[in-house]
Amino acid sequence: EYGEPAEICRRYDRLKKLNIRLRDGSEIILENSPQSA
């Protein structure tokens, strides 16, 4: 594999999720998509 380090990592992001942690300690997983905005 070859490329910019961050671009290589994005290329292999199979899950395409966002891991969110709130101040109350709870954790939420959302789709990495405009619908989560």
Full PDB file with SEQRES, HELIX, SHEET, SSBOND, CRYST1, ORIGX, SCALE, CONECT and MASTER records, all heavy atoms in Angstrom:
SEQRES   1 A   37  GLU TYR GLY GLU PRO ALA GLU ILE CYS ARG ARG TYR ASP          
SEQRES   2 A   37  ARG LEU LYS LYS LEU ASN ILE ARG LEU ARG ASP GLY SER          
SEQRES   3 A   37  GLU ILE ILE LEU GLU ASN SER PRO GLN SER ALA                  
HELIX    1 AA1 PRO A    5  ARG A   11  1                                   7    
HELIX    2 AA2 PRO A   34  SER A   36  5                                   3    
SHEET    1 AA1 2 LYS A  17  ARG A  21  0                                        
SHEET    2 AA1 2 GLU A  27  GLU A  31 -1                                        
CRYST1    1.000    1.000    1.000  90.00  90.00  90.00 P 1           1          
ORIGX1      1.000000  0.000000  0.000000        0.00000                         
ORIGX2      0.000000  1.000000  0.000000        0.00000                         
ORIGX3      0.000000  0.000000  1.000000        0.00000                         
SCALE1      1.000000  0.000000  0.000000        0.00000                         
SCALE2      0.000000  1.000000  0.000000        0.00000                         
SCALE3      0.000000  0.000000  1.000000        0.00000                         
ATOM      1  N   GLU A   1       0.854  -1.192   0.000  1.00  0.00           N  
ATOM      2  CA  GLU A   1       0.000   0.000   0.000  1.00  0.00           C  
ATOM      3  C   GLU A   1       0.882   1.232   0.000  1.00  0.00           C  
ATOM      4  O   GLU A   1       2.013   1.204   0.493  1.00  0.00           O  
ATOM      5  CB  GLU A   1      -0.922  -0.006   1.225  1.00  0.00           C  
ATOM      6  CG  GLU A   1      -1.997   1.077   1.228  1.00  0.00           C  
ATOM      7  CD  GLU A   1      -2.894   1.053   0.012  1.00  0.00           C  
ATOM      8  OE1 GLU A   1      -2.477   1.683  -0.999  1.00  0.00           O  
ATOM      9  OE2 GLU A   1      -3.963   0.420   0.048  1.00  0.00           O  
ATOM     10  N   TYR A   2       0.373   2.330  -0.574  1.00  0.00           N  
ATOM     11  CA  TYR A   2       1.132   3.585  -0.664  1.00  0.00           C  
ATOM     12  C   TYR A   2       0.152   4.756  -0.631  1.00  0.00           C  
ATOM     13  O   TYR A   2      -0.949   4.670  -1.188  1.00  0.00           O  
ATOM     14  CB  TYR A   2       1.937   3.633  -1.969  1.00  0.00           C  
ATOM     15  CG  TYR A   2       2.549   4.997  -2.238  1.00  0.00           C  
ATOM     16  CD1 TYR A   2       3.784   5.337  -1.700  1.00  0.00           C  
ATOM     17  CD2 TYR A   2       1.867   5.949  -2.988  1.00  0.00           C  
ATOM     18  CE1 TYR A   2       4.334   6.588  -1.918  1.00  0.00           C  
ATOM     19  CE2 TYR A   2       2.411   7.201  -3.202  1.00  0.00           C  
ATOM     20  CZ  TYR A   2       3.644   7.528  -2.674  1.00  0.00           C  
ATOM     21  OH  TYR A   2       4.174   8.769  -2.867  1.00  0.00           O  
ATOM     22  N   GLY A   3       0.569   5.856  -0.002  1.00  0.00           N  
ATOM     23  CA  GLY A   3      -0.247   7.065  -0.016  1.00  0.00           C  
ATOM     24  C   GLY A   3       0.042   7.947   1.181  1.00  0.00           C  
ATOM     25  O   GLY A   3       0.981   7.698   1.956  1.00  0.00           O  
ATOM     26  N   GLU A   4      -0.749   8.998   1.348  1.00  0.00           N  
ATOM     27  CA  GLU A   4      -0.663   9.821   2.546  1.00  0.00           C  
ATOM     28  C   GLU A   4      -1.180   8.996   3.721  1.00  0.00           C  
ATOM     29  O   GLU A   4      -2.174   8.275   3.585  1.00  0.00           O  
ATOM     30  CB  GLU A   4      -1.494  11.087   2.385  1.00  0.00           C  
ATOM     31  CG  GLU A   4      -1.038  11.986   1.255  1.00  0.00           C  
ATOM     32  CD  GLU A   4      -1.957  13.177   1.060  1.00  0.00           C  
ATOM     33  OE1 GLU A   4      -2.838  13.409   1.937  1.00  0.00           O  
ATOM     34  OE2 GLU A   4      -1.829  13.862   0.038  1.00  0.00           O  
ATOM     35  N   PRO A   5      -0.532   9.085   4.886  1.00  0.00           N  
ATOM     36  CA  PRO A   5      -0.942   8.232   6.006  1.00  0.00           C  
ATOM     37  C   PRO A   5      -2.428   8.312   6.336  1.00  0.00           C  
ATOM     38  O   PRO A   5      -3.098   7.281   6.472  1.00  0.00           O  
ATOM     39  CB  PRO A   5      -0.078   8.745   7.168  1.00  0.00           C  
ATOM     40  CG  PRO A   5       1.139   9.287   6.511  1.00  0.00           C  
ATOM     41  CD  PRO A   5       0.668   9.888   5.214  1.00  0.00           C  
ATOM     42  N   ALA A   6      -2.961   9.524   6.461  1.00  0.00           N  
ATOM     43  CA  ALA A   6      -4.372   9.664   6.820  1.00  0.00           C  
ATOM     44  C   ALA A   6      -5.280   9.131   5.719  1.00  0.00           C  
ATOM     45  O   ALA A   6      -6.319   8.525   5.993  1.00  0.00           O  
ATOM     46  CB  ALA A   6      -4.687  11.131   7.109  1.00  0.00           C  
ATOM     47  N   GLU A   7      -4.865   9.328   4.462  1.00  0.00           N  
ATOM     48  CA  GLU A   7      -5.683   8.861   3.345  1.00  0.00           C  
ATOM     49  C   GLU A   7      -5.719   7.341   3.285  1.00  0.00           C  
ATOM     50  O   GLU A   7      -6.761   6.742   2.995  1.00  0.00           O  
ATOM     51  CB  GLU A   7      -5.129   9.440   2.038  1.00  0.00           C  
ATOM     52  CG  GLU A   7      -6.059   9.312   0.837  1.00  0.00           C  
ATOM     53  CD  GLU A   7      -5.959   7.952   0.167  1.00  0.00           C  
ATOM     54  OE1 GLU A   7      -4.862   7.372   0.188  1.00  0.00           O  
ATOM     55  OE2 GLU A   7      -6.991   7.485  -0.366  1.00  0.00           O  
ATOM     56  N   ILE A   8      -4.585   6.693   3.580  1.00  0.00           N  
ATOM     57  CA  ILE A   8      -4.546   5.232   3.626  1.00  0.00           C  
ATOM     58  C   ILE A   8      -5.525   4.719   4.683  1.00  0.00           C  
ATOM     59  O   ILE A   8      -6.311   3.798   4.438  1.00  0.00           O  
ATOM     60  CB  ILE A   8      -3.125   4.718   3.936  1.00  0.00           C  
ATOM     61  CG1 ILE A   8      -2.191   4.980   2.756  1.00  0.00           C  
ATOM     62  CG2 ILE A   8      -3.150   3.223   4.250  1.00  0.00           C  
ATOM     63  CD1 ILE A   8      -0.742   4.617   3.034  1.00  0.00           C  
ATOM     64  N   CYS A   9      -5.503   5.343   5.849  1.00  0.00           N  
ATOM     65  CA  CYS A   9      -6.396   4.909   6.924  1.00  0.00           C  
ATOM     66  C   CYS A   9      -7.861   5.119   6.550  1.00  0.00           C  
ATOM     67  O   CYS A   9      -8.707   4.243   6.811  1.00  0.00           O  
ATOM     68  CB  CYS A   9      -6.060   5.660   8.211  1.00  0.00           C  
ATOM     69  SG  CYS A   9      -4.424   5.257   8.879  1.00  0.00           S  
ATOM     70  N   ARG A  10      -8.182   6.228   5.920  1.00  0.00           N  
ATOM     71  CA  ARG A  10      -9.576   6.461   5.505  1.00  0.00           C  
ATOM     72  C   ARG A  10     -10.020   5.434   4.469  1.00  0.00           C  
ATOM     73  O   ARG A  10     -11.177   5.017   4.445  1.00  0.00           O  
ATOM     74  CB  ARG A  10      -9.725   7.873   4.937  1.00  0.00           C  
ATOM     75  CG  ARG A  10      -9.650   8.988   5.976  1.00  0.00           C  
ATOM     76  CD  ARG A  10     -10.124  10.304   5.404  1.00  0.00           C  
ATOM     77  NE  ARG A  10      -9.295  10.765   4.302  1.00  0.00           N  
ATOM     78  CZ  ARG A  10      -8.232  11.539   4.444  1.00  0.00           C  
ATOM     79  NH1 ARG A  10      -7.859  11.942   5.658  1.00  0.00           N  
ATOM     80  NH2 ARG A  10      -7.527  11.937   3.405  1.00  0.00           N  
ATOM     81  N   ARG A  11      -9.091   5.020   3.624  1.00  0.00           N  
ATOM     82  CA  ARG A  11      -9.413   4.076   2.562  1.00  0.00           C  
ATOM     83  C   ARG A  11      -9.884   2.738   3.123  1.00  0.00           C  
ATOM     84  O   ARG A  11     -10.658   2.024   2.485  1.00  0.00           O  
ATOM     85  CB  ARG A  11      -8.163   3.866   1.700  1.00  0.00           C  
ATOM     86  CG  ARG A  11      -8.398   3.244   0.336  1.00  0.00           C  
ATOM     87  CD  ARG A  11      -7.070   3.088  -0.386  1.00  0.00           C  
ATOM     88  NE  ARG A  11      -6.360   4.345  -0.512  1.00  0.00           N  
ATOM     89  CZ  ARG A  11      -5.052   4.456  -0.756  1.00  0.00           C  
ATOM     90  NH1 ARG A  11      -4.311   3.376  -0.890  1.00  0.00           N  
ATOM     91  NH2 ARG A  11      -4.484   5.637  -0.867  1.00  0.00           N  
ATOM     92  N   TYR A  12      -9.412   2.411   4.337  1.00  0.00           N  
ATOM     93  CA  TYR A  12      -9.754   1.125   4.933  1.00  0.00           C  
ATOM     94  C   TYR A  12     -10.756   1.260   6.083  1.00  0.00           C  
ATOM     95  O   TYR A  12     -10.870   0.366   6.917  1.00  0.00           O  
ATOM     96  CB  TYR A  12      -8.478   0.415   5.400  1.00  0.00           C  
ATOM     97  CG  TYR A  12      -7.661  -0.073   4.234  1.00  0.00           C  
ATOM     98  CD1 TYR A  12      -6.765   0.773   3.586  1.00  0.00           C  
ATOM     99  CD2 TYR A  12      -7.818  -1.358   3.730  1.00  0.00           C  
ATOM    100  CE1 TYR A  12      -6.031   0.341   2.487  1.00  0.00           C  
ATOM    101  CE2 TYR A  12      -7.084  -1.798   2.641  1.00  0.00           C  
ATOM    102  CZ  TYR A  12      -6.200  -0.941   2.022  1.00  0.00           C  
ATOM    103  OH  TYR A  12      -5.481  -1.366   0.921  1.00  0.00           O  
ATOM    104  N   ASP A  13     -11.480   2.359   6.098  1.00  0.00           N  
ATOM    105  CA  ASP A  13     -12.527   2.542   7.108  1.00  0.00           C  
ATOM    106  C   ASP A  13     -13.779   1.786   6.668  1.00  0.00           C  
ATOM    107  O   ASP A  13     -14.631   2.316   5.957  1.00  0.00           O  
ATOM    108  CB  ASP A  13     -12.829   4.031   7.296  1.00  0.00           C  
ATOM    109  CG  ASP A  13     -13.826   4.296   8.408  1.00  0.00           C  
ATOM    110  OD1 ASP A  13     -14.232   3.323   9.081  1.00  0.00           O  
ATOM    111  OD2 ASP A  13     -14.209   5.460   8.594  1.00  0.00           O  
ATOM    112  N   ARG A  14     -13.869   0.544   7.079  1.00  0.00           N  
ATOM    113  CA  ARG A  14     -15.000  -0.298   6.683  1.00  0.00           C  
ATOM    114  C   ARG A  14     -16.272   0.067   7.442  1.00  0.00           C  
ATOM    115  O   ARG A  14     -17.376  -0.065   6.918  1.00  0.00           O  
ATOM    116  CB  ARG A  14     -14.684  -1.774   6.945  1.00  0.00           C  
ATOM    117  CG  ARG A  14     -13.348  -2.267   6.410  1.00  0.00           C  
ATOM    118  CD  ARG A  14     -13.234  -2.165   4.924  1.00  0.00           C  
ATOM    119  NE  ARG A  14     -12.038  -2.854   4.431  1.00  0.00           N  
ATOM    120  CZ  ARG A  14     -11.525  -2.648   3.240  1.00  0.00           C  
ATOM    121  NH1 ARG A  14     -12.078  -1.781   2.405  1.00  0.00           N  
ATOM    122  NH2 ARG A  14     -10.433  -3.308   2.855  1.00  0.00           N  
ATOM    123  N   LEU A  15     -16.134   0.509   8.698  1.00  0.00           N  
ATOM    124  CA  LEU A  15     -17.315   0.745   9.530  1.00  0.00           C  
ATOM    125  C   LEU A  15     -18.026   2.055   9.203  1.00  0.00           C  
ATOM    126  O   LEU A  15     -19.254   2.132   9.230  1.00  0.00           O  
ATOM    127  CB  LEU A  15     -16.913   0.750  11.014  1.00  0.00           C  
ATOM    128  CG  LEU A  15     -16.323  -0.555  11.550  1.00  0.00           C  
ATOM    129  CD1 LEU A  15     -15.899  -0.379  13.005  1.00  0.00           C  
ATOM    130  CD2 LEU A  15     -17.337  -1.685  11.420  1.00  0.00           C  
ATOM    131  N   LYS A  16     -17.232   3.092   8.896  1.00  0.00           N  
ATOM    132  CA  LYS A  16     -17.767   4.429   8.602  1.00  0.00           C  
ATOM    133  C   LYS A  16     -18.755   4.873   9.681  1.00  0.00           C  
ATOM    134  O   LYS A  16     -19.895   5.235   9.424  1.00  0.00           O  
ATOM    135  CB  LYS A  16     -18.428   4.450   7.220  1.00  0.00           C  
ATOM    136  CG  LYS A  16     -17.445   4.115   6.100  1.00  0.00           C  
ATOM    137  CD  LYS A  16     -18.014   4.408   4.746  1.00  0.00           C  
ATOM    138  CE  LYS A  16     -17.033   3.998   3.651  1.00  0.00           C  
ATOM    139  NZ  LYS A  16     -15.740   4.671   3.752  1.00  0.00           N  
ATOM    140  N   LYS A  17     -18.271   4.828  10.928  1.00  0.00           N  
ATOM    141  CA  LYS A  17     -19.062   5.234  12.077  1.00  0.00           C  
ATOM    142  C   LYS A  17     -18.397   6.412  12.789  1.00  0.00           C  
ATOM    143  O   LYS A  17     -17.224   6.728  12.540  1.00  0.00           O  
ATOM    144  CB  LYS A  17     -19.196   4.070  13.076  1.00  0.00           C  
ATOM    145  CG  LYS A  17     -19.799   2.801  12.514  1.00  0.00           C  
ATOM    146  CD  LYS A  17     -21.297   2.917  12.328  1.00  0.00           C  
ATOM    147  CE  LYS A  17     -21.896   1.568  11.919  1.00  0.00           C  
ATOM    148  NZ  LYS A  17     -23.348   1.646  11.727  1.00  0.00           N  
ATOM    149  N   LEU A  18     -19.154   7.046  13.665  1.00  0.00           N  
ATOM    150  CA  LEU A  18     -18.646   8.081  14.551  1.00  0.00           C  
ATOM    151  C   LEU A  18     -18.854   7.620  15.987  1.00  0.00           C  
ATOM    152  O   LEU A  18     -19.976   7.256  16.367  1.00  0.00           O  
ATOM    153  CB  LEU A  18     -19.367   9.408  14.323  1.00  0.00           C  
ATOM    154  CG  LEU A  18     -19.164  10.064  12.954  1.00  0.00           C  
ATOM    155  CD1 LEU A  18     -20.092  11.257  12.792  1.00  0.00           C  
ATOM    156  CD2 LEU A  18     -17.715  10.496  12.769  1.00  0.00           C  
ATOM    157  N   ASN A  19     -17.778   7.606  16.761  1.00  0.00           N  
ATOM    158  CA  ASN A  19     -17.870   7.273  18.184  1.00  0.00           C  
ATOM    159  C   ASN A  19     -17.948   8.565  18.979  1.00  0.00           C  
ATOM    160  O   ASN A  19     -17.010   9.377  18.960  1.00  0.00           O  
ATOM    161  CB  ASN A  19     -16.648   6.460  18.624  1.00  0.00           C  
ATOM    162  CG  ASN A  19     -16.622   5.088  17.989  1.00  0.00           C  
ATOM    163  OD1 ASN A  19     -17.668   4.517  17.699  1.00  0.00           O  
ATOM    164  ND2 ASN A  19     -15.438   4.545  17.776  1.00  0.00           N  
ATOM    165  N   ILE A  20     -19.048   8.755  19.678  1.00  0.00           N  
ATOM    166  CA  ILE A  20     -19.299   9.998  20.412  1.00  0.00           C  
ATOM    167  C   ILE A  20     -19.355   9.692  21.909  1.00  0.00           C  
ATOM    168  O   ILE A  20     -20.015   8.740  22.335  1.00  0.00           O  
ATOM    169  CB  ILE A  20     -20.628  10.632  19.957  1.00  0.00           C  
ATOM    170  CG1 ILE A  20     -20.505  11.083  18.492  1.00  0.00           C  
ATOM    171  CG2 ILE A  20     -20.996  11.823  20.848  1.00  0.00           C  
ATOM    172  CD1 ILE A  20     -21.801  11.554  17.893  1.00  0.00           C  
ATOM    173  N   ARG A  21     -18.657  10.493  22.684  1.00  0.00           N  
ATOM    174  CA  ARG A  21     -18.722  10.392  24.145  1.00  0.00           C  
ATOM    175  C   ARG A  21     -19.271  11.693  24.686  1.00  0.00           C  
ATOM    176  O   ARG A  21     -18.771  12.775  24.350  1.00  0.00           O  
ATOM    177  CB  ARG A  21     -17.337  10.102  24.739  1.00  0.00           C  
ATOM    178  CG  ARG A  21     -17.360   9.943  26.269  1.00  0.00           C  
ATOM    179  CD  ARG A  21     -15.985   9.635  26.814  1.00  0.00           C  
ATOM    180  NE  ARG A  21     -15.990   9.558  28.261  1.00  0.00           N  
ATOM    181  CZ  ARG A  21     -16.280   8.457  28.952  1.00  0.00           C  
ATOM    182  NH1 ARG A  21     -16.580   7.337  28.311  1.00  0.00           N  
ATOM    183  NH2 ARG A  21     -16.264   8.459  30.278  1.00  0.00           N  
ATOM    184  N   LEU A  22     -20.302  11.576  25.521  1.00  0.00           N  
ATOM    185  CA  LEU A  22     -20.936  12.749  26.121  1.00  0.00           C  
ATOM    186  C   LEU A  22     -20.347  13.025  27.496  1.00  0.00           C  
ATOM    187  O   LEU A  22     -19.705  12.166  28.100  1.00  0.00           O  
ATOM    188  CB  LEU A  22     -22.445  12.531  26.228  1.00  0.00           C  
ATOM    189  CG  LEU A  22     -23.170  12.241  24.909  1.00  0.00           C  
ATOM    190  CD1 LEU A  22     -24.668  12.096  25.153  1.00  0.00           C  
ATOM    191  CD2 LEU A  22     -22.899  13.309  23.865  1.00  0.00           C  
ATOM    192  N   ARG A  23     -20.581  14.223  27.984  1.00  0.00           N  
ATOM    193  CA  ARG A  23     -19.999  14.637  29.264  1.00  0.00           C  
ATOM    194  C   ARG A  23     -20.518  13.822  30.442  1.00  0.00           C  
ATOM    195  O   ARG A  23     -19.877  13.751  31.486  1.00  0.00           O  
ATOM    196  CB  ARG A  23     -20.259  16.127  29.497  1.00  0.00           C  
ATOM    197  CG  ARG A  23     -19.541  17.031  28.490  1.00  0.00           C  
ATOM    198  CD  ARG A  23     -19.667  18.496  28.836  1.00  0.00           C  
ATOM    199  NE  ARG A  23     -19.097  19.348  27.805  1.00  0.00           N  
ATOM    200  CZ  ARG A  23     -17.797  19.589  27.656  1.00  0.00           C  
ATOM    201  NH1 ARG A  23     -16.933  19.040  28.493  1.00  0.00           N  
ATOM    202  NH2 ARG A  23     -17.372  20.374  26.686  1.00  0.00           N  
ATOM    203  N   ASP A  24     -21.679  13.206  30.283  1.00  0.00           N  
ATOM    204  CA  ASP A  24     -22.197  12.367  31.367  1.00  0.00           C  
ATOM    205  C   ASP A  24     -21.615  10.955  31.339  1.00  0.00           C  
ATOM    206  O   ASP A  24     -21.997  10.088  32.134  1.00  0.00           O  
ATOM    207  CB  ASP A  24     -23.725  12.300  31.318  1.00  0.00           C  
ATOM    208  CG  ASP A  24     -24.249  11.619  30.048  1.00  0.00           C  
ATOM    209  OD1 ASP A  24     -23.440  11.099  29.261  1.00  0.00           O  
ATOM    210  OD2 ASP A  24     -25.474  11.621  29.852  1.00  0.00           O  
ATOM    211  N   GLY A  25     -20.674  10.697  30.414  1.00  0.00           N  
ATOM    212  CA  GLY A  25     -20.012   9.412  30.343  1.00  0.00           C  
ATOM    213  C   GLY A  25     -20.625   8.430  29.373  1.00  0.00           C  
ATOM    214  O   GLY A  25     -20.044   7.376  29.099  1.00  0.00           O  
ATOM    215  N   SER A  26     -21.796   8.741  28.848  1.00  0.00           N  
ATOM    216  CA  SER A  26     -22.431   7.831  27.903  1.00  0.00           C  
ATOM    217  C   SER A  26     -21.744   7.895  26.542  1.00  0.00           C  
ATOM    218  O   SER A  26     -21.171   8.922  26.164  1.00  0.00           O  
ATOM    219  CB  SER A  26     -23.921   8.162  27.755  1.00  0.00           C  
ATOM    220  OG  SER A  26     -24.096   9.503  27.322  1.00  0.00           O  
ATOM    221  N   GLU A  27     -21.772   6.767  25.821  1.00  0.00           N  
ATOM    222  CA  GLU A  27     -21.156   6.677  24.505  1.00  0.00           C  
ATOM    223  C   GLU A  27     -22.205   6.326  23.462  1.00  0.00           C  
ATOM    224  O   GLU A  27     -23.079   5.487  23.699  1.00  0.00           O  
ATOM    225  CB  GLU A  27     -20.036   5.637  24.515  1.00  0.00           C  
ATOM    226  CG  GLU A  27     -18.885   6.022  25.441  1.00  0.00           C  
ATOM    227  CD  GLU A  27     -17.706   5.078  25.338  1.00  0.00           C  
ATOM    228  OE1 GLU A  27     -17.778   4.130  24.524  1.00  0.00           O  
ATOM    229  OE2 GLU A  27     -16.716   5.289  26.058  1.00  0.00           O  
ATOM    230  N   ILE A  28     -22.105   6.964  22.311  1.00  0.00           N  
ATOM    231  CA  ILE A  28     -23.084   6.804  21.242  1.00  0.00           C  
ATOM    232  C   ILE A  28     -22.337   6.544  19.943  1.00  0.00           C  
ATOM    233  O   ILE A  28     -21.300   7.156  19.674  1.00  0.00           O  
ATOM    234  CB  ILE A  28     -23.959   8.072  21.107  1.00  0.00           C  
ATOM    235  CG1 ILE A  28     -24.731   8.319  22.405  1.00  0.00           C  
ATOM    236  CG2 ILE A  28     -24.905   7.968  19.919  1.00  0.00           C  
ATOM    237  CD1 ILE A  28     -25.349   9.689  22.475  1.00  0.00           C  
ATOM    238  N   ILE A  29     -22.836   5.624  19.136  1.00  0.00           N  
ATOM    239  CA  ILE A  29     -22.254   5.344  17.827  1.00  0.00           C  
ATOM    240  C   ILE A  29     -23.261   5.740  16.756  1.00  0.00           C  
ATOM    241  O   ILE A  29     -24.416   5.306  16.776  1.00  0.00           O  
ATOM    242  CB  ILE A  29     -21.894   3.857  17.687  1.00  0.00           C  
ATOM    243  CG1 ILE A  29     -20.824   3.477  18.717  1.00  0.00           C  
ATOM    244  CG2 ILE A  29     -21.379   3.571  16.274  1.00  0.00           C  
ATOM    245  CD1 ILE A  29     -20.457   2.018  18.701  1.00  0.00           C  
ATOM    246  N   LEU A  30     -22.824   6.602  15.848  1.00  0.00           N  
ATOM    247  CA  LEU A  30     -23.684   7.080  14.771  1.00  0.00           C  
ATOM    248  C   LEU A  30     -23.055   6.758  13.425  1.00  0.00           C  
ATOM    249  O   LEU A  30     -21.840   6.571  13.306  1.00  0.00           O  
ATOM    250  CB  LEU A  30     -23.891   8.599  14.881  1.00  0.00           C  
ATOM    251  CG  LEU A  30     -24.572   9.145  16.132  1.00  0.00           C  
ATOM    252  CD1 LEU A  30     -24.586  10.666  16.086  1.00  0.00           C  
ATOM    253  CD2 LEU A  30     -25.982   8.598  16.263  1.00  0.00           C  
ATOM    254  N   GLU A  31     -23.877   6.727  12.386  1.00  0.00           N  
ATOM    255  CA  GLU A  31     -23.367   6.607  11.027  1.00  0.00           C  
ATOM    256  C   GLU A  31     -22.581   7.863  10.669  1.00  0.00           C  
ATOM    257  O   GLU A  31     -22.977   8.983  11.021  1.00  0.00           O  
ATOM    258  CB  GLU A  31     -24.520   6.432  10.037  1.00  0.00           C  
ATOM    259  CG  GLU A  31     -25.306   5.156  10.192  1.00  0.00           C  
ATOM    260  CD  GLU A  31     -24.493   3.925   9.830  1.00  0.00           C  
ATOM    261  OE1 GLU A  31     -23.620   4.040   8.946  1.00  0.00           O  
ATOM    262  OE2 GLU A  31     -24.739   2.868  10.429  1.00  0.00           O  
ATOM    263  N   ASN A  32     -21.454   7.675   9.999  1.00  0.00           N  
ATOM    264  CA  ASN A  32     -20.681   8.821   9.516  1.00  0.00           C  
ATOM    265  C   ASN A  32     -21.291   9.282   8.196  1.00  0.00           C  
ATOM    266  O   ASN A  32     -20.803   8.982   7.106  1.00  0.00           O  
ATOM    267  CB  ASN A  32     -19.218   8.426   9.337  1.00  0.00           C  
ATOM    268  CG  ASN A  32     -18.318   9.621   9.097  1.00  0.00           C  
ATOM    269  OD1 ASN A  32     -18.795  10.726   8.878  1.00  0.00           O  
ATOM    270  ND2 ASN A  32     -17.014   9.392   9.133  1.00  0.00           N  
ATOM    271  N   SER A  33     -22.395  10.034   8.340  1.00  0.00           N  
ATOM    272  CA  SER A  33     -23.168  10.443   7.169  1.00  0.00           C  
ATOM    273  C   SER A  33     -23.880  11.752   7.475  1.00  0.00           C  
ATOM    274  O   SER A  33     -24.013  12.142   8.650  1.00  0.00           O  
ATOM    275  CB  SER A  33     -24.192   9.373   6.801  1.00  0.00           C  
ATOM    276  OG  SER A  33     -25.181   9.278   7.814  1.00  0.00           O  
ATOM    277  N   PRO A  34     -24.347  12.462   6.456  1.00  0.00           N  
ATOM    278  CA  PRO A  34     -25.061  13.727   6.684  1.00  0.00           C  
ATOM    279  C   PRO A  34     -26.289  13.565   7.583  1.00  0.00           C  
ATOM    280  O   PRO A  34     -26.693  14.521   8.253  1.00  0.00           O  
ATOM    281  CB  PRO A  34     -25.468  14.160   5.270  1.00  0.00           C  
ATOM    282  CG  PRO A  34     -24.455  13.515   4.375  1.00  0.00           C  
ATOM    283  CD  PRO A  34     -24.149  12.202   5.015  1.00  0.00           C  
ATOM    284  N   GLN A  35     -26.875  12.375   7.605  1.00  0.00           N  
ATOM    285  CA  GLN A  35     -28.077  12.156   8.400  1.00  0.00           C  
ATOM    286  C   GLN A  35     -27.824  12.296   9.901  1.00  0.00           C  
ATOM    287  O   GLN A  35     -28.763  12.490  10.680  1.00  0.00           O  
ATOM    288  CB  GLN A  35     -28.657  10.764   8.100  1.00  0.00           C  
ATOM    289  CG  GLN A  35     -29.328  10.628   6.740  1.00  0.00           C  
ATOM    290  CD  GLN A  35     -28.341  10.665   5.584  1.00  0.00           C  
ATOM    291  OE1 GLN A  35     -27.229  10.147   5.717  1.00  0.00           O  
ATOM    292  NE2 GLN A  35     -28.730  11.284   4.485  1.00  0.00           N  
ATOM    293  N   SER A  36     -26.548  12.198  10.310  1.00  0.00           N  
ATOM    294  CA  SER A  36     -26.210  12.306  11.734  1.00  0.00           C  
ATOM    295  C   SER A  36     -25.931  13.742  12.159  1.00  0.00           C  
ATOM    296  O   SER A  36     -25.745  14.008  13.357  1.00  0.00           O  
ATOM    297  CB  SER A  36     -24.978  11.438  12.043  1.00  0.00           C  
ATOM    298  OG  SER A  36     -25.222  10.088  11.733  1.00  0.00           O  
ATOM    299  N   ALA A  37     -25.915  14.659  11.217  1.00  0.00           N  
ATOM    300  CA  ALA A  37     -25.473  16.022  11.507  1.00  0.00           C  
ATOM    301  C   ALA A  37     -26.354  16.720  12.537  1.00  0.00           C  
ATOM    302  O   ALA A  37     -25.849  17.384  13.452  1.00  0.00           O  
ATOM    303  CB  ALA A  37     -25.431  16.838  10.216  1.00  0.00           C  
TER     304      ALA A  37                                                      
MASTER        0    0    0    2    2    0    0    6  303    1    0    3          
END                                                                             
